[in-house]
Amino acid sequence: MSPDGAAEHPLFGLARAAQSGGDVRTSVSGTADSPAGGNRLSGPLDDPSAEAGYSERHPERMGFFTDTSVCIGCKACEVACKEWNLLEEDGLDLTGMSYDNTTDLGATTWRHVAFVEQRIDPSTRARVDIGMPGMGAPSTTPEEGADSDATEVRWLMSSDVCKHCTHAACLDVCPTGALIRSEYGTVVVQDDVCNGCGYCVPACPYGVIDIHPDNGGAFKCTLCQDRLGSGLAPACATACPTESIQYGPLDQLRQRAEQRLEQLHEQGMTEARLYGQDPTDGVGGDGAFFLLLDEPEVYGLPPDPVVTTRDLPAMAAHAAIAAATAALTVAACFLGGRR
């Protein structure tokens, strides 16, 4: 999975332990007491690139911090991403849901700026309705109990992207090795190796990766892997006029995000929160995380994402036990019949 070494995939150790009758949890994690269920498919992981087999000399982990509080919805990041990666345009037809003609991430849209309309009480800045995006034009009828003259509308804007998870289920389920962990800790699709099986699509807890309708391959953000090797920042971060998209070493970005969150809380924006920065969450922390001004669901993000391959060790152990039980039962039937 990497040019620096042939690190064994955790599932290989899992299968070997099941065949030999050993402790599946210990064989996969190296220790039965490791976090998050005791396996290398989930839990905190300090260095994903080292886990993938890169040498100690590999670059530090890089990532994105997206501060949605300063996003102006200009879509410069979308355009820059498409121009650099030579992606097709998505058409100019508005959906009727918002001022958005892309609606979601996809095989030809690796950056997507979400527009969420909310009705709020200007005196308290409290949300009057949840502001969840839906089909059709925004309703002009105020919520029950809300005074239309006493409310105003605000826009929440956020540039979404692949999260480059610490534990990437898309990478774990790929049968051809088309999905790899880079030396920068990012997750990259090798389109010339992808066979279009689509296993990665349902594996992603964020619904990011997508199959191209024309060539059948899987595509998503690469964090501009080709630019990183030349010492350049990703195209989207370079084009962002408000520095809503910040690129750099992941540890530094996390510190910067905590400072920004504290600043917003001091200004009275107590609803602000970080999303995806916690190494103890269900995916081991994201390489691309966000500062949000409302619940994750409002932005179309899952509230508690979990790597979909987390329970594979337990499932394999149960399957091995069931197979052994079935084999013993069949053997007992034959031995009993001979009597």
Protein backbone atom coordinates (compact mmCIF):
# COMPACT_ATOMS: atom_id res chain seq x y z
CA MET A 1 0.00 0.00 0.00
CA SER A 2 3.00 2.31 0.02
CA PRO A 3 6.33 2.68 -1.81
CA ASP A 4 8.41 2.52 1.37
CA GLY A 5 7.36 -0.85 2.67
CA ALA A 6 4.95 -3.72 2.45
CA ALA A 7 2.90 -3.26 5.62
CA GLU A 8 0.50 -6.13 6.14
CA HIS A 9 -3.14 -5.18 5.73
CA PRO A 10 -4.98 -5.68 9.04
CA LEU A 11 -7.47 -8.04 7.42
CA PHE A 12 -4.64 -10.45 6.48
CA GLY A 13 -3.64 -10.79 10.10
CA LEU A 14 -7.31 -11.20 10.99
CA ALA A 15 -7.77 -14.11 8.58
CA ARG A 16 -4.54 -15.80 9.70
CA ALA A 17 -5.58 -15.60 13.35
CA ALA A 18 -9.02 -17.04 12.57
CA GLN A 19 -7.44 -19.99 10.73
CA SER A 20 -4.96 -20.72 13.49
CA GLY A 21 -7.45 -20.30 16.30
CA GLY A 22 -5.54 -17.38 17.82
CA ASP A 23 -6.90 -14.24 19.44
CA VAL A 24 -8.33 -12.22 16.58
CA ARG A 25 -8.27 -8.95 18.52
CA THR A 26 -4.62 -9.32 19.50
CA SER A 27 -3.50 -10.32 16.01
CA VAL A 28 -5.12 -7.32 14.41
CA SER A 29 -4.16 -4.67 16.92
CA GLY A 30 -0.96 -6.05 18.38
CA THR A 31 -2.56 -5.71 21.82
CA ALA A 32 -5.86 -6.86 23.20
CA ASP A 33 -6.21 -3.61 25.14
CA SER A 34 -5.92 -1.21 22.20
CA PRO A 35 -8.66 1.48 21.95
CA ALA A 36 -12.00 1.41 20.20
CA GLY A 37 -12.70 -2.29 20.32
CA GLY A 38 -9.07 -3.40 20.08
CA ASN A 39 -8.27 -3.35 16.37
CA ARG A 40 -6.29 -1.31 13.86
CA LEU A 41 -9.42 -0.55 11.82
CA SER A 42 -10.67 2.02 14.34
CA GLY A 43 -9.62 4.15 17.29
CA PRO A 44 -6.93 6.85 17.70
CA LEU A 45 -3.95 6.52 15.37
CA ASP A 46 -1.08 8.97 15.63
CA ASP A 47 0.53 8.31 12.24
CA PRO A 48 -1.61 6.80 9.45
CA SER A 49 1.27 7.02 6.97
CA ALA A 50 3.59 4.98 9.20
CA GLU A 51 0.77 2.47 9.66
CA ALA A 52 0.60 2.22 5.86
CA GLY A 53 4.29 1.34 5.70
CA TYR A 54 6.06 4.64 5.04
CA SER A 55 9.43 5.18 6.65
CA GLU A 56 10.01 7.51 9.59
CA ARG A 57 11.27 10.14 7.14
CA HIS A 58 7.87 10.67 5.57
CA PRO A 59 6.39 14.21 5.65
CA GLU A 60 4.12 15.25 8.51
CA ARG A 61 0.40 14.73 8.05
CA MET A 62 -1.26 17.53 6.10
CA GLY A 63 -4.91 18.49 5.96
CA PHE A 64 -7.67 21.09 5.71
CA PHE A 65 -9.34 23.24 8.34
CA THR A 66 -12.50 24.86 6.96
CA ASP A 67 -13.77 27.81 9.02
CA THR A 68 -17.37 28.17 7.87
CA SER A 69 -17.83 31.37 9.89
CA VAL A 70 -15.91 33.33 7.24
CA CYS A 71 -17.14 31.46 4.14
CA ILE A 72 -18.90 33.87 1.74
CA GLY A 73 -20.16 31.24 -0.70
CA CYS A 74 -18.16 32.57 -3.64
CA LYS A 75 -17.43 29.02 -4.92
CA ALA A 76 -13.89 30.01 -5.89
CA CYS A 77 -12.77 26.72 -4.33
CA GLU A 78 -15.12 24.74 -6.57
CA VAL A 79 -13.86 26.49 -9.69
CA ALA A 80 -10.18 26.17 -8.71
CA CYS A 81 -10.63 22.46 -7.98
CA LYS A 82 -12.28 21.83 -11.33
CA GLU A 83 -9.71 23.84 -13.26
CA TRP A 84 -6.69 22.18 -11.68
CA ASN A 85 -8.06 18.63 -11.82
CA LEU A 86 -9.68 19.06 -15.26
CA LEU A 87 -13.14 18.10 -13.99
CA GLU A 88 -16.28 18.56 -16.04
CA GLU A 89 -18.63 21.42 -15.20
CA ASP A 90 -21.93 20.54 -13.53
CA GLY A 91 -24.24 22.69 -15.60
CA LEU A 92 -25.79 26.05 -14.85
CA ASP A 93 -29.28 24.89 -13.88
CA LEU A 94 -30.32 26.02 -10.41
CA THR A 95 -32.04 23.31 -8.37
CA GLY A 96 -34.67 25.51 -6.72
CA MET A 97 -33.32 24.45 -3.32
CA SER A 98 -30.84 27.32 -2.95
CA TYR A 99 -28.28 29.34 -4.88
CA ASP A 100 -26.46 26.14 -5.68
CA ASN A 101 -26.04 24.31 -8.96
CA THR A 102 -23.93 21.41 -7.71
CA THR A 103 -25.99 20.22 -4.68
CA ASP A 104 -23.46 17.66 -3.44
CA LEU A 105 -20.02 16.13 -3.76
CA GLY A 106 -19.58 13.69 -6.63
CA ALA A 107 -17.24 12.14 -9.15
CA THR A 108 -16.89 15.46 -10.97
CA THR A 109 -17.36 17.75 -7.94
CA TRP A 110 -14.61 17.32 -5.35
CA ARG A 111 -15.41 20.59 -3.56
CA HIS A 112 -18.98 21.68 -2.88
CA VAL A 113 -20.16 24.87 -1.20
CA ALA A 114 -23.39 24.30 0.71
CA PHE A 115 -25.94 27.12 1.13
CA VAL A 116 -28.26 26.69 4.13
CA GLU A 117 -31.00 29.26 4.74
CA GLN A 118 -32.18 29.80 8.32
CA ARG A 119 -34.80 32.02 9.92
CA ILE A 120 -33.53 33.52 13.19
CA ASP A 121 -34.65 35.93 15.88
CA PRO A 122 -32.41 39.01 15.47
CA SER A 123 -32.76 39.99 19.12
CA THR A 124 -31.31 36.75 20.42
CA ARG A 125 -29.74 35.34 17.23
CA ALA A 126 -31.58 32.14 18.17
CA ARG A 127 -32.69 29.81 15.41
CA VAL A 128 -36.42 29.78 14.79
CA ASP A 129 -36.45 26.82 12.40
CA ILE A 130 -33.89 24.10 11.86
CA GLY A 131 -33.02 25.28 8.36
CA MET A 132 -32.63 21.79 6.94
CA PRO A 133 -32.33 21.86 3.15
CA GLY A 134 -35.28 20.36 1.31
CA MET A 135 -36.80 20.08 -2.11
CA GLY A 136 -38.50 23.14 -3.54
CA ALA A 137 -38.14 26.86 -2.93
CA PRO A 138 -37.72 28.06 0.67
CA SER A 139 -41.08 28.48 2.36
CA THR A 140 -42.33 32.00 2.99
CA THR A 141 -44.59 30.81 5.81
CA PRO A 142 -43.01 31.35 9.22
CA GLU A 143 -42.85 28.59 11.77
CA GLU A 144 -45.81 28.23 14.10
CA GLY A 145 -45.44 30.69 16.96
CA ALA A 146 -42.87 32.79 15.11
CA ASP A 147 -43.51 36.43 14.26
CA SER A 148 -42.49 36.99 10.65
CA ASP A 149 -41.82 40.67 11.36
CA ALA A 150 -39.47 39.75 14.19
CA THR A 151 -37.33 37.27 12.26
CA GLU A 152 -34.65 37.56 9.63
CA VAL A 153 -32.84 35.14 7.38
CA ARG A 154 -29.20 34.17 7.62
CA TRP A 155 -27.12 31.99 5.35
CA LEU A 156 -24.79 29.28 6.57
CA MET A 157 -22.16 28.46 3.96
CA SER A 158 -19.61 25.69 4.06
CA SER A 159 -17.18 24.23 1.55
CA ASP A 160 -17.41 20.46 1.87
CA VAL A 161 -14.72 18.01 0.75
CA CYS A 162 -13.44 14.47 1.30
CA LYS A 163 -12.50 14.09 4.99
CA HIS A 164 -9.34 12.00 4.40
CA CYS A 165 -10.22 9.93 7.46
CA THR A 166 -7.63 8.51 9.82
CA HIS A 167 -9.39 5.18 9.39
CA ALA A 168 -10.67 5.20 5.82
CA ALA A 169 -13.18 2.43 5.16
CA CYS A 170 -13.01 3.10 1.42
CA LEU A 171 -9.33 2.17 1.50
CA ASP A 172 -9.94 -0.92 3.63
CA VAL A 173 -12.55 -2.42 1.29
CA CYS A 174 -10.82 -1.66 -2.04
CA PRO A 175 -9.95 -5.03 -3.63
CA THR A 176 -7.46 -3.70 -6.21
CA GLY A 177 -5.33 -1.30 -4.17
CA ALA A 178 -6.64 1.63 -6.19
CA LEU A 179 -7.18 3.55 -2.94
CA ILE A 180 -3.94 4.22 -1.09
CA ARG A 181 -2.67 6.20 1.86
CA SER A 182 -0.18 8.85 0.74
CA GLU A 183 2.97 9.92 2.53
CA TYR A 184 1.05 13.04 3.66
CA GLY A 185 -1.61 10.95 5.41
CA THR A 186 -4.24 11.62 2.75
CA VAL A 187 -6.36 9.04 0.91
CA VAL A 188 -5.88 9.01 -2.87
CA VAL A 189 -7.63 7.11 -5.69
CA GLN A 190 -5.43 5.74 -8.48
CA ASP A 191 -7.87 5.90 -11.35
CA ASP A 192 -5.70 3.69 -13.57
CA VAL A 193 -5.96 0.86 -11.01
CA CYS A 194 -9.64 1.24 -10.10
CA ASN A 195 -11.88 -1.44 -11.63
CA GLY A 196 -15.14 0.38 -10.81
CA CYS A 197 -16.46 -2.25 -8.39
CA GLY A 198 -18.03 0.48 -6.25
CA TYR A 199 -17.29 -1.14 -2.86
CA CYS A 200 -15.85 2.15 -1.64
CA VAL A 201 -19.09 4.09 -2.23
CA PRO A 202 -21.24 2.52 0.53
CA ALA A 203 -18.16 2.14 2.76
CA CYS A 204 -17.69 5.91 3.12
CA PRO A 205 -19.57 7.17 6.21
CA TYR A 206 -19.78 10.65 4.68
CA GLY A 207 -21.07 9.67 1.23
CA VAL A 208 -18.13 11.41 -0.46
CA ILE A 209 -16.69 9.00 -3.01
CA ASP A 210 -18.66 8.48 -6.21
CA ILE A 211 -18.58 6.49 -9.45
CA HIS A 212 -18.14 8.48 -12.67
CA PRO A 213 -21.17 7.93 -14.92
CA ASP A 214 -19.08 7.73 -18.09
CA ASN A 215 -15.92 5.76 -17.32
CA GLY A 216 -17.18 3.83 -14.28
CA GLY A 217 -14.22 4.69 -12.04
CA ALA A 218 -14.33 5.99 -8.46
CA PHE A 219 -13.28 9.60 -7.90
CA LYS A 220 -12.91 12.06 -5.02
CA CYS A 221 -10.63 14.81 -3.69
CA THR A 222 -6.94 13.91 -3.66
CA LEU A 223 -5.97 16.99 -1.61
CA CYS A 224 -4.06 17.92 -4.77
CA GLN A 225 -1.44 15.22 -4.28
CA ASP A 226 0.41 16.39 -7.39
CA ARG A 227 0.72 19.92 -6.00
CA LEU A 228 1.89 18.78 -2.56
CA GLY A 229 4.88 17.00 -4.06
CA SER A 230 5.96 20.31 -5.61
CA GLY A 231 5.58 22.25 -2.38
CA LEU A 232 2.31 23.93 -3.44
CA ALA A 233 -0.90 24.25 -1.42
CA PRO A 234 -4.08 22.63 -2.81
CA ALA A 235 -5.84 24.69 -5.46
CA CYS A 236 -8.97 25.29 -3.37
CA ALA A 237 -7.07 26.69 -0.39
CA THR A 238 -4.99 28.91 -2.69
CA ALA A 239 -8.11 30.36 -4.33
CA CYS A 240 -10.13 30.99 -1.13
CA PRO A 241 -10.31 34.80 -0.70
CA THR A 242 -11.31 34.77 2.99
CA GLU A 243 -9.00 31.97 4.15
CA SER A 244 -12.04 29.92 5.09
CA ILE A 245 -10.11 26.92 3.72
CA GLN A 246 -6.79 26.61 5.53
CA TYR A 247 -4.15 24.06 4.58
CA GLY A 248 -1.17 22.92 6.61
CA PRO A 249 0.17 20.38 9.11
CA LEU A 250 -2.83 18.77 10.78
CA ASP A 251 -1.59 19.26 14.34
CA GLN A 252 -1.10 23.00 13.75
CA LEU A 253 -4.53 23.29 12.14
CA ARG A 254 -6.15 21.65 15.16
CA GLN A 255 -4.49 24.15 17.50
CA ARG A 256 -5.56 27.02 15.26
CA ALA A 257 -9.12 25.71 15.19
CA GLU A 258 -9.30 25.53 18.99
CA GLN A 259 -8.15 29.14 19.22
CA ARG A 260 -10.72 30.24 16.65
CA LEU A 261 -13.48 28.36 18.46
CA GLU A 262 -12.57 30.02 21.75
CA GLN A 263 -12.62 33.42 20.03
CA LEU A 264 -16.12 32.84 18.66
CA HIS A 265 -17.40 31.65 22.01
CA GLU A 266 -16.06 34.83 23.64
CA GLN A 267 -17.98 36.83 21.02
CA GLY A 268 -21.21 35.12 22.09
CA MET A 269 -21.45 32.54 19.29
CA THR A 270 -21.90 29.66 21.69
CA GLU A 271 -23.41 27.46 18.98
CA ALA A 272 -20.04 27.25 17.18
CA ARG A 273 -18.38 23.84 17.32
CA LEU A 274 -15.60 21.82 15.73
CA TYR A 275 -16.45 18.79 13.61
CA GLY A 276 -14.03 16.01 12.69
CA GLN A 277 -11.00 17.21 14.68
CA ASP A 278 -11.28 14.69 17.53
CA PRO A 279 -8.90 11.68 17.20
CA THR A 280 -11.18 9.66 19.48
CA ASP A 281 -14.28 9.92 17.27
CA GLY A 282 -15.70 7.13 15.14
CA VAL A 283 -13.19 7.57 12.30
CA GLY A 284 -10.12 8.41 14.39
CA GLY A 285 -10.35 12.06 13.44
CA ASP A 286 -10.52 13.60 9.97
CA GLY A 287 -7.71 15.01 7.86
CA ALA A 288 -10.21 17.65 6.72
CA PHE A 289 -12.28 19.07 9.57
CA PHE A 290 -14.65 22.01 10.06
CA LEU A 291 -15.75 24.79 12.36
CA LEU A 292 -19.55 24.86 12.16
CA LEU A 293 -22.09 27.40 13.39
CA ASP A 294 -24.86 24.87 13.93
CA GLU A 295 -25.54 21.16 14.23
CA PRO A 296 -23.72 18.97 11.66
CA GLU A 297 -27.07 17.77 10.28
CA VAL A 298 -27.89 21.30 9.17
CA TYR A 299 -24.90 21.16 6.81
CA GLY A 300 -25.80 17.67 5.61
CA LEU A 301 -23.07 16.00 7.70
CA PRO A 302 -23.61 12.88 9.84
CA PRO A 303 -23.67 13.78 13.55
CA ASP A 304 -21.63 10.78 14.70
CA PRO A 305 -19.75 9.18 11.79
CA VAL A 306 -18.23 5.74 12.36
CA VAL A 307 -15.82 3.92 10.07
CA THR A 308 -17.92 1.21 8.48
CA THR A 309 -15.18 -1.45 8.78
CA ARG A 310 -14.86 -1.01 12.56
CA ASP A 311 -16.70 -4.21 13.43
CA LEU A 312 -14.99 -6.48 10.89
CA PRO A 313 -12.76 -8.21 13.52
CA ALA A 314 -15.76 -9.05 15.72
CA MET A 315 -17.76 -10.18 12.69
CA ALA A 316 -14.90 -12.40 11.51
CA ALA A 317 -14.50 -13.88 14.98
CA HIS A 318 -18.21 -14.69 15.17
CA ALA A 319 -18.12 -16.15 11.67
CA ALA A 320 -15.13 -18.33 12.57
CA ILE A 321 -16.87 -19.57 15.70
CA ALA A 322 -20.04 -20.31 13.74
CA ALA A 323 -18.05 -22.18 11.07
CA ALA A 324 -16.22 -24.23 13.69
CA THR A 325 -19.48 -25.03 15.44
CA ALA A 326 -21.07 -26.13 12.16
CA ALA A 327 -18.05 -28.31 11.33
CA LEU A 328 -18.16 -29.97 14.75
CA THR A 329 -21.90 -30.55 14.42
CA VAL A 330 -21.50 -32.19 11.01
CA ALA A 331 -18.62 -34.32 12.29
CA ALA A 332 -20.66 -35.41 15.31
CA CYS A 333 -23.55 -36.41 13.04
CA PHE A 334 -21.31 -38.61 10.91
CA LEU A 335 -19.61 -40.21 13.90
CA GLY A 336 -22.95 -40.78 15.57
CA GLY A 337 -24.38 -42.37 12.41
CA ARG A 338 -21.61 -44.97 12.21
CA ARG A 339 -22.65 -46.39 15.55
